[in-house]
Amino acid sequence: MERAAARACYRKLFRSTTAVFQRDKAMLEAARQRIRQEFIQNRNLPPEELQVKVDWGNQIAEFLSKNLVQAEKQVDGSYKLNIRPSTDLSSDFPPSIAVCTRNKK
């Protein structure tokens, strides 16, 4: 059962990174490489330790999905936030976002 949970966590992390970094191929590849590396490194853990790692991985996937937003630089120097439906727009996030541009002299 622990191995099935680990596989599900692996897939969840890959889906989360795909959604978050879909427009940033370098970051997507780096995140996936790190996920693979961690899972290979922890492949032979005892069930108790494996469950702790799986829980941690699931929390990371949820954090990425809900809290990480990438910004894309626009031609005019401003930034556009790529907010997804899964992004948590809690009270910490202002309802109207004024994107600041660098003062040009």
PDB file of N, CA and C in Angstrom:
ATOM      1  N   MET A   1       0.822  -1.195   0.000  1.00  0.00           N
ATOM      2  CA  MET A   1       0.000   0.000   0.000  1.00  0.00           C
ATOM      3  C   MET A   1       0.868   1.261   0.000  1.00  0.00           C
ATOM      4  N   GLU A   2       1.992   1.226   0.716  1.00  0.00           N
ATOM      5  CA  GLU A   2       2.857   2.400   0.784  1.00  0.00           C
ATOM      6  C   GLU A   2       3.429   2.746  -0.585  1.00  0.00           C
ATOM      7  N   ARG A   3       3.761   1.726  -1.363  1.00  0.00           N
ATOM      8  CA  ARG A   3       4.327   1.964  -2.699  1.00  0.00           C
ATOM      9  C   ARG A   3       3.291   2.605  -3.615  1.00  0.00           C
ATOM     10  N   ALA A   4       2.042   2.188  -3.494  1.00  0.00           N
ATOM     11  CA  ALA A   4       0.974   2.794  -4.300  1.00  0.00           C
ATOM     12  C   ALA A   4       0.792   4.260  -3.919  1.00  0.00           C
ATOM     13  N   ALA A   5       0.877   4.557  -2.635  1.00  0.00           N
ATOM     14  CA  ALA A   5       0.765   5.944  -2.172  1.00  0.00           C
ATOM     15  C   ALA A   5       1.942   6.771  -2.683  1.00  0.00           C
ATOM     16  N   ALA A   6       3.124   6.173  -2.728  1.00  0.00           N
ATOM     17  CA  ALA A   6       4.303   6.875  -3.237  1.00  0.00           C
ATOM     18  C   ALA A   6       4.147   7.169  -4.728  1.00  0.00           C
ATOM     19  N   ARG A   7       3.635   6.199  -5.488  1.00  0.00           N
ATOM     20  CA  ARG A   7       3.402   6.428  -6.922  1.00  0.00           C
ATOM     21  C   ARG A   7       2.369   7.518  -7.146  1.00  0.00           C
ATOM     22  N   ALA A   8       1.310   7.508  -6.350  1.00  0.00           N
ATOM     23  CA  ALA A   8       0.267   8.536  -6.468  1.00  0.00           C
ATOM     24  C   ALA A   8       0.842   9.915  -6.145  1.00  0.00           C
ATOM     25  N   CYS A   9       1.682   9.994  -5.145  1.00  0.00           N
ATOM     26  CA  CYS A   9       2.329  11.253  -4.770  1.00  0.00           C
ATOM     27  C   CYS A   9       3.243  11.734  -5.901  1.00  0.00           C
ATOM     28  N   TYR A  10       3.986  10.820  -6.486  1.00  0.00           N
ATOM     29  CA  TYR A  10       4.880  11.143  -7.610  1.00  0.00           C
ATOM     30  C   TYR A  10       4.082  11.763  -8.754  1.00  0.00           C
ATOM     31  N   ARG A  11       2.976  11.118  -9.100  1.00  0.00           N
ATOM     32  CA  ARG A  11       2.120  11.633 -10.184  1.00  0.00           C
ATOM     33  C   ARG A  11       1.520  12.987  -9.821  1.00  0.00           C
ATOM     34  N   LYS A  12       1.118  13.149  -8.572  1.00  0.00           N
ATOM     35  CA  LYS A  12       0.539  14.416  -8.120  1.00  0.00           C
ATOM     36  C   LYS A  12       1.571  15.541  -8.213  1.00  0.00           C
ATOM     37  N   LEU A  13       2.804  15.262  -7.818  1.00  0.00           N
ATOM     38  CA  LEU A  13       3.866  16.257  -7.924  1.00  0.00           C
ATOM     39  C   LEU A  13       4.133  16.625  -9.385  1.00  0.00           C
ATOM     40  N   PHE A  14       4.131  15.633 -10.268  1.00  0.00           N
ATOM     41  CA  PHE A  14       4.350  15.910 -11.688  1.00  0.00           C
ATOM     42  C   PHE A  14       3.213  16.745 -12.263  1.00  0.00           C
ATOM     43  N   ARG A  15       1.974  16.433 -11.888  1.00  0.00           N
ATOM     44  CA  ARG A  15       0.837  17.229 -12.375  1.00  0.00           C
ATOM     45  C   ARG A  15       0.920  18.659 -11.860  1.00  0.00           C
ATOM     46  N   SER A  16       1.277  18.822 -10.607  1.00  0.00           N
ATOM     47  CA  SER A  16       1.377  20.165 -10.019  1.00  0.00           C
ATOM     48  C   SER A  16       2.460  20.988 -10.704  1.00  0.00           C
ATOM     49  N   THR A  17       3.623  20.394 -10.896  1.00  0.00           N
ATOM     50  CA  THR A  17       4.701  21.145 -11.544  1.00  0.00           C
ATOM     51  C   THR A  17       4.367  21.450 -12.998  1.00  0.00           C
ATOM     52  N   THR A  18       3.665  20.550 -13.670  1.00  0.00           N
ATOM     53  CA  THR A  18       3.256  20.805 -15.050  1.00  0.00           C
ATOM     54  C   THR A  18       2.324  22.007 -15.121  1.00  0.00           C
ATOM     55  N   ALA A  19       1.373  22.083 -14.217  1.00  0.00           N
ATOM     56  CA  ALA A  19       0.428  23.203 -14.208  1.00  0.00           C
ATOM     57  C   ALA A  19       1.125  24.514 -13.863  1.00  0.00           C
ATOM     58  N   VAL A  20       1.990  24.478 -12.878  1.00  0.00           N
ATOM     59  CA  VAL A  20       2.635  25.705 -12.401  1.00  0.00           C
ATOM     60  C   VAL A  20       3.689  26.217 -13.381  1.00  0.00           C
ATOM     61  N   PHE A  21       4.483  25.316 -13.934  1.00  0.00           N
ATOM     62  CA  PHE A  21       5.612  25.719 -14.776  1.00  0.00           C
ATOM     63  C   PHE A  21       5.376  25.464 -16.261  1.00  0.00           C
ATOM     64  N   GLN A  22       4.143  25.436 -16.704  1.00  0.00           N
ATOM     65  CA  GLN A  22       3.864  25.080 -18.095  1.00  0.00           C
ATOM     66  C   GLN A  22       4.512  26.026 -19.105  1.00  0.00           C
ATOM     67  N   ARG A  23       4.762  27.257 -18.729  1.00  0.00           N
ATOM     68  CA  ARG A  23       5.370  28.220 -19.658  1.00  0.00           C
ATOM     69  C   ARG A  23       6.851  28.442 -19.374  1.00  0.00           C
ATOM     70  N   ASP A  24       7.410  27.660 -18.486  1.00  0.00           N
ATOM     71  CA  ASP A  24       8.815  27.806 -18.108  1.00  0.00           C
ATOM     72  C   ASP A  24       9.468  26.428 -18.178  1.00  0.00           C
ATOM     73  N   LYS A  25       9.915  26.073 -19.371  1.00  0.00           N
ATOM     74  CA  LYS A  25      10.429  24.717 -19.609  1.00  0.00           C
ATOM     75  C   LYS A  25      11.659  24.395 -18.763  1.00  0.00           C
ATOM     76  N   ALA A  26      12.528  25.367 -18.553  1.00  0.00           N
ATOM     77  CA  ALA A  26      13.732  25.112 -17.751  1.00  0.00           C
ATOM     78  C   ALA A  26      13.362  24.794 -16.306  1.00  0.00           C
ATOM     79  N   MET A  27      12.447  25.561 -15.742  1.00  0.00           N
ATOM     80  CA  MET A  27      12.027  25.327 -14.354  1.00  0.00           C
ATOM     81  C   MET A  27      11.254  24.017 -14.238  1.00  0.00           C
ATOM     82  N   LEU A  28      10.433  23.717 -15.233  1.00  0.00           N
ATOM     83  CA  LEU A  28       9.683  22.460 -15.233  1.00  0.00           C
ATOM     84  C   LEU A  28      10.636  21.274 -15.231  1.00  0.00           C
ATOM     85  N   GLU A  29      11.638  21.320 -16.083  1.00  0.00           N
ATOM     86  CA  GLU A  29      12.598  20.216 -16.148  1.00  0.00           C
ATOM     87  C   GLU A  29      13.397  20.101 -14.854  1.00  0.00           C
ATOM     88  N   ALA A  30      13.792  21.226 -14.274  1.00  0.00           N
ATOM     89  CA  ALA A  30      14.545  21.199 -13.008  1.00  0.00           C
ATOM     90  C   ALA A  30      13.695  20.617 -11.879  1.00  0.00           C
ATOM     91  N   ALA A  31      12.429  21.006 -11.826  1.00  0.00           N
ATOM     92  CA  ALA A  31      11.533  20.483 -10.782  1.00  0.00           C
ATOM     93  C   ALA A  31      11.335  18.986 -10.950  1.00  0.00           C
ATOM     94  N   ARG A  32      11.117  18.548 -12.175  1.00  0.00           N
ATOM     95  CA  ARG A  32      10.918  17.111 -12.423  1.00  0.00           C
ATOM     96  C   ARG A  32      12.169  16.309 -12.100  1.00  0.00           C
ATOM     97  N   GLN A  33      13.322  16.849 -12.449  1.00  0.00           N
ATOM     98  CA  GLN A  33      14.576  16.163 -12.135  1.00  0.00           C
ATOM     99  C   GLN A  33      14.738  16.008 -10.628  1.00  0.00           C
ATOM    100  N   ARG A  34      14.400  17.057  -9.885  1.00  0.00           N
ATOM    101  CA  ARG A  34      14.505  17.000  -8.415  1.00  0.00           C
ATOM    102  C   ARG A  34      13.530  15.976  -7.838  1.00  0.00           C
ATOM    103  N   ILE A  35      12.313  15.927  -8.380  1.00  0.00           N
ATOM    104  CA  ILE A  35      11.324  14.943  -7.920  1.00  0.00           C
ATOM    105  C   ILE A  35      11.861  13.536  -8.148  1.00  0.00           C
ATOM    106  N   ARG A  36      12.342  13.265  -9.367  1.00  0.00           N
ATOM    107  CA  ARG A  36      12.902  11.939  -9.680  1.00  0.00           C
ATOM    108  C   ARG A  36      14.036  11.593  -8.718  1.00  0.00           C
ATOM    109  N   GLN A  37      14.939  12.547  -8.527  1.00  0.00           N
ATOM    110  CA  GLN A  37      16.101  12.339  -7.663  1.00  0.00           C
ATOM    111  C   GLN A  37      15.675  11.974  -6.236  1.00  0.00           C
ATOM    112  N   GLU A  38      14.715  12.700  -5.689  1.00  0.00           N
ATOM    113  CA  GLU A  38      14.249  12.433  -4.322  1.00  0.00           C
ATOM    114  C   GLU A  38      13.586  11.062  -4.219  1.00  0.00           C
ATOM    115  N   PHE A  39      12.784  10.704  -5.216  1.00  0.00           N
ATOM    116  CA  PHE A  39      12.108   9.412  -5.159  1.00  0.00           C
ATOM    117  C   PHE A  39      13.095   8.263  -5.314  1.00  0.00           C
ATOM    118  N   ILE A  40      14.083   8.409  -6.164  1.00  0.00           N
ATOM    119  CA  ILE A  40      15.097   7.364  -6.318  1.00  0.00           C
ATOM    120  C   ILE A  40      15.917   7.240  -5.035  1.00  0.00           C
ATOM    121  N   GLN A  41      16.301   8.368  -4.471  1.00  0.00           N
ATOM    122  CA  GLN A  41      17.112   8.381  -3.249  1.00  0.00           C
ATOM    123  C   GLN A  41      16.383   7.728  -2.075  1.00  0.00           C
ATOM    124  N   ASN A  42      15.073   7.877  -2.007  1.00  0.00           N
ATOM    125  CA  ASN A  42      14.297   7.363  -0.875  1.00  0.00           C
ATOM    126  C   ASN A  42      13.513   6.092  -1.211  1.00  0.00           C
ATOM    127  N   ARG A  43      13.917   5.410  -2.234  1.00  0.00           N
ATOM    128  CA  ARG A  43      13.210   4.227  -2.733  1.00  0.00           C
ATOM    129  C   ARG A  43      13.098   3.101  -1.708  1.00  0.00           C
ATOM    130  N   ASN A  44      14.114   2.902  -0.911  1.00  0.00           N
ATOM    131  CA  ASN A  44      14.155   1.745  -0.010  1.00  0.00           C
ATOM    132  C   ASN A  44      13.916   2.094   1.455  1.00  0.00           C
ATOM    133  N   LEU A  45      13.175   3.142   1.704  1.00  0.00           N
ATOM    134  CA  LEU A  45      12.877   3.521   3.088  1.00  0.00           C
ATOM    135  C   LEU A  45      11.910   2.534   3.730  1.00  0.00           C
ATOM    136  N   PRO A  46      11.988   2.379   5.052  1.00  0.00           N
ATOM    137  CA  PRO A  46      10.991   1.568   5.751  1.00  0.00           C
ATOM    138  C   PRO A  46       9.610   2.234   5.633  1.00  0.00           C
ATOM    139  N   PRO A  47       8.538   1.456   5.766  1.00  0.00           N
ATOM    140  CA  PRO A  47       7.181   1.984   5.569  1.00  0.00           C
ATOM    141  C   PRO A  47       6.849   3.239   6.377  1.00  0.00           C
ATOM    142  N   GLU A  48       7.317   3.311   7.612  1.00  0.00           N
ATOM    143  CA  GLU A  48       6.997   4.477   8.448  1.00  0.00           C
ATOM    144  C   GLU A  48       7.643   5.746   7.889  1.00  0.00           C
ATOM    145  N   GLU A  49       8.909   5.639   7.518  1.00  0.00           N
ATOM    146  CA  GLU A  49       9.620   6.795   6.962  1.00  0.00           C
ATOM    147  C   GLU A  49       9.081   7.152   5.585  1.00  0.00           C
ATOM    148  N   LEU A  50       8.724   6.133   4.817  1.00  0.00           N
ATOM    149  CA  LEU A  50       8.160   6.370   3.491  1.00  0.00           C
ATOM    150  C   LEU A  50       6.856   7.156   3.595  1.00  0.00           C
ATOM    151  N   GLN A  51       6.030   6.812   4.566  1.00  0.00           N
ATOM    152  CA  GLN A  51       4.752   7.515   4.727  1.00  0.00           C
ATOM    153  C   GLN A  51       4.973   8.986   5.070  1.00  0.00           C
ATOM    154  N   VAL A  52       5.984   9.267   5.879  1.00  0.00           N
ATOM    155  CA  VAL A  52       6.314  10.662   6.216  1.00  0.00           C
ATOM    156  C   VAL A  52       6.714  11.421   4.947  1.00  0.00           C
ATOM    157  N   LYS A  53       7.540  10.798   4.115  1.00  0.00           N
ATOM    158  CA  LYS A  53       7.974  11.434   2.861  1.00  0.00           C
ATOM    159  C   LYS A  53       6.797  11.634   1.910  1.00  0.00           C
ATOM    160  N   VAL A  54       5.904  10.653   1.824  1.00  0.00           N
ATOM    161  CA  VAL A  54       4.729  10.759   0.950  1.00  0.00           C
ATOM    162  C   VAL A  54       3.830  11.896   1.419  1.00  0.00           C
ATOM    163  N   ASP A  55       3.605  11.980   2.720  1.00  0.00           N
ATOM    164  CA  ASP A  55       2.789  13.077   3.260  1.00  0.00           C
ATOM    165  C   ASP A  55       3.418  14.425   2.925  1.00  0.00           C
ATOM    166  N   TRP A  56       4.722  14.517   3.081  1.00  0.00           N
ATOM    167  CA  TRP A  56       5.439  15.750   2.774  1.00  0.00           C
ATOM    168  C   TRP A  56       5.310  16.082   1.281  1.00  0.00           C
ATOM    169  N   GLY A  57       5.471  15.087   0.423  1.00  0.00           N
ATOM    170  CA  GLY A  57       5.334  15.298  -1.019  1.00  0.00           C
ATOM    171  C   GLY A  57       3.944  15.774  -1.401  1.00  0.00           C
ATOM    172  N   ASN A  58       2.922  15.202  -0.770  1.00  0.00           N
ATOM    173  CA  ASN A  58       1.548  15.637  -1.046  1.00  0.00           C
ATOM    174  C   ASN A  58       1.320  17.080  -0.597  1.00  0.00           C
ATOM    175  N   GLN A  59       1.917  17.455   0.523  1.00  0.00           N
ATOM    176  CA  GLN A  59       1.803  18.844   0.990  1.00  0.00           C
ATOM    177  C   GLN A  59       2.500  19.802   0.023  1.00  0.00           C
ATOM    178  N   ILE A  60       3.641  19.387  -0.496  1.00  0.00           N
ATOM    179  CA  ILE A  60       4.367  20.217  -1.459  1.00  0.00           C
ATOM    180  C   ILE A  60       3.543  20.390  -2.730  1.00  0.00           C
ATOM    181  N   ALA A  61       2.965  19.303  -3.227  1.00  0.00           N
ATOM    182  CA  ALA A  61       2.145  19.381  -4.440  1.00  0.00           C
ATOM    183  C   ALA A  61       0.967  20.323  -4.242  1.00  0.00           C
ATOM    184  N   GLU A  62       0.336  20.244  -3.089  1.00  0.00           N
ATOM    185  CA  GLU A  62      -0.794  21.127  -2.795  1.00  0.00           C
ATOM    186  C   GLU A  62      -0.335  22.581  -2.695  1.00  0.00           C
ATOM    187  N   PHE A  63       0.800  22.801  -2.043  1.00  0.00           N
ATOM    188  CA  PHE A  63       1.335  24.159  -1.931  1.00  0.00           C
ATOM    189  C   PHE A  63       1.622  24.741  -3.312  1.00  0.00           C
ATOM    190  N   LEU A  64       2.272  23.956  -4.164  1.00  0.00           N
ATOM    191  CA  LEU A  64       2.574  24.431  -5.515  1.00  0.00           C
ATOM    192  C   LEU A  64       1.303  24.814  -6.259  1.00  0.00           C
ATOM    193  N   SER A  65       0.302  23.952  -6.181  1.00  0.00           N
ATOM    194  CA  SER A  65      -0.948  24.196  -6.907  1.00  0.00           C
ATOM    195  C   SER A  65      -1.681  25.429  -6.417  1.00  0.00           C
ATOM    196  N   LYS A  66      -1.683  25.628  -5.123  1.00  0.00           N
ATOM    197  CA  LYS A  66      -2.491  26.706  -4.548  1.00  0.00           C
ATOM    198  C   LYS A  66      -1.755  28.026  -4.388  1.00  0.00           C
ATOM    199  N   ASN A  67      -0.458  27.996  -4.162  1.00  0.00           N
ATOM    200  CA  ASN A  67       0.247  29.202  -3.735  1.00  0.00           C
ATOM    201  C   ASN A  67       1.299  29.753  -4.685  1.00  0.00           C
ATOM    202  N   LEU A  68       1.740  28.977  -5.639  1.00  0.00           N
ATOM    203  CA  LEU A  68       2.799  29.459  -6.517  1.00  0.00           C
ATOM    204  C   LEU A  68       2.199  30.031  -7.793  1.00  0.00           C
ATOM    205  N   VAL A  69       2.550  31.270  -8.079  1.00  0.00           N
ATOM    206  CA  VAL A  69       2.079  31.948  -9.284  1.00  0.00           C
ATOM    207  C   VAL A  69       3.301  32.490 -10.000  1.00  0.00           C
ATOM    208  N   GLN A  70       3.403  32.212 -11.276  1.00  0.00           N
ATOM    209  CA  GLN A  70       4.512  32.754 -12.041  1.00  0.00           C
ATOM    210  C   GLN A  70       4.082  34.038 -12.727  1.00  0.00           C
ATOM    211  N   ALA A  71       5.046  34.903 -12.927  1.00  0.00           N
ATOM    212  CA  ALA A  71       4.800  36.164 -13.617  1.00  0.00           C
ATOM    213  C   ALA A  71       5.602  36.171 -14.914  1.00  0.00           C
ATOM    214  N   GLU A  72       4.985  36.673 -15.964  1.00  0.00           N
ATOM    215  CA  GLU A  72       5.656  36.783 -17.251  1.00  0.00           C
ATOM    216  C   GLU A  72       5.891  38.251 -17.563  1.00  0.00           C
ATOM    217  N   LYS A  73       7.111  38.564 -17.948  1.00  0.00           N
ATOM    218  CA  LYS A  73       7.434  39.940 -18.304  1.00  0.00           C
ATOM    219  C   LYS A  73       6.811  40.258 -19.658  1.00  0.00           C
ATOM    220  N   GLN A  74       6.135  41.382 -19.708  1.00  0.00           N
ATOM    221  CA  GLN A  74       5.478  41.832 -20.926  1.00  0.00           C
ATOM    222  C   GLN A  74       6.408  42.767 -21.707  1.00  0.00           C
ATOM    223  N   VAL A  75       6.034  43.040 -22.934  1.00  0.00           N
ATOM    224  CA  VAL A  75       6.834  43.899 -23.802  1.00  0.00           C
ATOM    225  C   VAL A  75       7.031  45.280 -23.187  1.00  0.00           C
ATOM    226  N   ASP A  76       6.008  45.796 -22.515  1.00  0.00           N
ATOM    227  CA  ASP A  76       6.090  47.145 -21.940  1.00  0.00           C
ATOM    228  C   ASP A  76       6.853  47.191 -20.611  1.00  0.00           C
ATOM    229  N   GLY A  77       7.393  46.061 -20.171  1.00  0.00           N
ATOM    230  CA  GLY A  77       8.164  46.018 -18.934  1.00  0.00           C
ATOM    231  C   GLY A  77       7.358  45.637 -17.705  1.00  0.00           C
ATOM    232  N   SER A  78       6.042  45.566 -17.836  1.00  0.00           N
ATOM    233  CA  SER A  78       5.205  45.135 -16.713  1.00  0.00           C
ATOM    234  C   SER A  78       5.196  43.607 -16.654  1.00  0.00           C
ATOM    235  N   TYR A  79       4.573  43.075 -15.626  1.00  0.00           N
ATOM    236  CA  TYR A  79       4.492  41.632 -15.463  1.00  0.00           C
ATOM    237  C   TYR A  79       3.041  41.188 -15.413  1.00  0.00           C
ATOM    238  N   LYS A  80       2.767  40.064 -16.045  1.00  0.00           N
ATOM    239  CA  LYS A  80       1.429  39.477 -16.031  1.00  0.00           C
ATOM    240  C   LYS A  80       1.480  38.240 -15.140  1.00  0.00           C
ATOM    241  N   LEU A  81       0.598  38.174 -14.150  1.00  0.00           N
ATOM    242  CA  LEU A  81       0.533  37.011 -13.269  1.00  0.00           C
ATOM    243  C   LEU A  81      -0.289  35.918 -13.926  1.00  0.00           C
ATOM    244  N   ASN A  82       0.234  34.716 -13.916  1.00  0.00           N
ATOM    245  CA  ASN A  82      -0.474  33.563 -14.471  1.00  0.00           C
ATOM    246  C   ASN A  82      -1.240  32.875 -13.343  1.00  0.00           C
ATOM    247  N   ILE A  83      -2.431  33.370 -13.075  1.00  0.00           N
ATOM    248  CA  ILE A  83      -3.261  32.830 -12.000  1.00  0.00           C
ATOM    249  C   ILE A  83      -4.127  31.718 -12.576  1.00  0.00           C
ATOM    250  N   ARG A  84      -4.043  30.553 -11.953  1.00  0.00           N
ATOM    251  CA  ARG A  84      -4.804  29.383 -12.389  1.00  0.00           C
ATOM    252  C   ARG A  84      -6.061  29.230 -11.542  1.00  0.00           C
ATOM    253  N   PRO A  85      -7.026  28.426 -11.981  1.00  0.00           N
ATOM    254  CA  PRO A  85      -8.229  28.191 -11.164  1.00  0.00           C
ATOM    255  C   PRO A  85      -7.911  27.605  -9.789  1.00  0.00           C
ATOM    256  N   SER A  86      -6.816  26.865  -9.672  1.00  0.00           N
ATOM    257  CA  SER A  86      -6.461  26.254  -8.385  1.00  0.00           C
ATOM    258  C   SER A  86      -5.748  27.222  -7.438  1.00  0.00           C
ATOM    259  N   THR A  87      -5.386  28.403  -7.921  1.00  0.00           N
ATOM    260  CA  THR A  87      -4.675  29.376  -7.088  1.00  0.00           C
ATOM    261  C   THR A  87      -5.569  29.851  -5.954  1.00  0.00           C
ATOM    262  N   ASP A  88      -5.021  29.827  -4.750  1.00  0.00           N
ATOM    263  CA  ASP A  88      -5.759  30.261  -3.565  1.00  0.00           C
ATOM    264  C   ASP A  88      -5.696  31.782  -3.470  1.00  0.00           C
ATOM    265  N   LEU A  89      -6.819  32.423  -3.706  1.00  0.00           N
ATOM    266  CA  LEU A  89      -6.890  33.882  -3.621  1.00  0.00           C
ATOM    267  C   LEU A  89      -7.479  34.270  -2.277  1.00  0.00           C
ATOM    268  N   SER A  90      -6.741  33.956  -1.229  1.00  0.00           N
ATOM    269  CA  SER A  90      -7.214  34.221   0.130  1.00  0.00           C
ATOM    270  C   SER A  90      -7.112  35.705   0.450  1.00  0.00           C
ATOM    271  N   SER A  91      -7.411  36.049   1.672  1.00  0.00           N
ATOM    272  CA  SER A  91      -7.396  37.448   2.091  1.00  0.00           C
ATOM    273  C   SER A  91      -5.998  38.058   2.032  1.00  0.00           C
ATOM    274  N   ASP A  92      -4.960  37.227   1.962  1.00  0.00           N
ATOM    275  CA  ASP A  92      -3.600  37.750   1.852  1.00  0.00           C
ATOM    276  C   ASP A  92      -3.315  38.297   0.459  1.00  0.00           C
ATOM    277  N   PHE A  93      -4.149  37.956  -0.491  1.00  0.00           N
ATOM    278  CA  PHE A  93      -3.955  38.329  -1.881  1.00  0.00           C
ATOM    279  C   PHE A  93      -4.927  39.452  -2.207  1.00  0.00           C
ATOM    280  N   PRO A  94      -4.470  40.621  -2.581  1.00  0.00           N
ATOM    281  CA  PRO A  94      -5.396  41.729  -2.834  1.00  0.00           C
ATOM    282  C   PRO A  94      -6.343  41.429  -3.993  1.00  0.00           C
ATOM    283  N   PRO A  95      -7.612  41.844  -3.899  1.00  0.00           N
ATOM    284  CA  PRO A  95      -8.581  41.557  -4.946  1.00  0.00           C
ATOM    285  C   PRO A  95      -8.259  42.221  -6.275  1.00  0.00           C
ATOM    286  N   SER A  96      -7.707  43.408  -6.244  1.00  0.00           N
ATOM    287  CA  SER A  96      -7.277  44.036  -7.493  1.00  0.00           C
ATOM    288  C   SER A  96      -5.779  44.268  -7.394  1.00  0.00           C
ATOM    289  N   ILE A  97      -5.085  43.748  -8.356  1.00  0.00           N
ATOM    290  CA  ILE A  97      -3.632  43.781  -8.307  1.00  0.00           C
ATOM    291  C   ILE A  97      -3.130  44.863  -9.247  1.00  0.00           C
ATOM    292  N   ALA A  98      -2.426  45.803  -8.702  1.00  0.00           N
ATOM    293  CA  ALA A  98      -1.782  46.821  -9.522  1.00  0.00           C
ATOM    294  C   ALA A  98      -0.359  46.348  -9.770  1.00  0.00           C
ATOM    295  N   VAL A  99      -0.059  46.051 -11.003  1.00  0.00           N
ATOM    296  CA  VAL A  99       1.275  45.563 -11.331  1.00  0.00           C
ATOM    297  C   VAL A  99       2.185  46.765 -11.506  1.00  0.00           C
ATOM    298  N   CYS A 100       3.227  46.781 -10.725  1.00  0.00           N
ATOM    299  CA  CYS A 100       4.170  47.900 -10.770  1.00  0.00           C
ATOM    300  C   CYS A 100       5.148  47.702 -11.916  1.00  0.00           C
ATOM    301  N   THR A 101       5.452  48.771 -12.558  1.00  0.00           N
ATOM    302  CA  THR A 101       6.482  48.731 -13.593  1.00  0.00           C
ATOM    303  C   THR A 101       7.673  49.517 -13.084  1.00  0.00           C
ATOM    304  N   ARG A 102       8.788  49.181 -13.606  1.00  0.00           N
ATOM    305  CA  ARG A 102      10.014  49.864 -13.217  1.00  0.00           C
ATOM    306  C   ARG A 102       9.963  51.296 -13.738  1.00  0.00           C
ATOM    307  N   ASN A 103      10.347  52.231 -12.905  1.00  0.00           N
ATOM    308  CA  ASN A 103      10.384  53.635 -13.329  1.00  0.00           C
ATOM    309  C   ASN A 103      11.492  53.814 -14.348  1.00  0.00           C
ATOM    310  N   LYS A 104      11.099  54.317 -15.484  1.00  0.00           N
ATOM    311  CA  LYS A 104      12.079  54.546 -16.543  1.00  0.00           C
ATOM    312  C   LYS A 104      12.462  56.012 -16.534  1.00  0.00           C
ATOM    313  N   LYS A 105      13.742  56.268 -16.543  1.00  0.00           N
ATOM    314  CA  LYS A 105      14.236  57.651 -16.505  1.00  0.00           C
ATOM    315  C   LYS A 105      14.682  58.101 -17.860  1.00  0.00           C
TER     316      LYS A 105
END
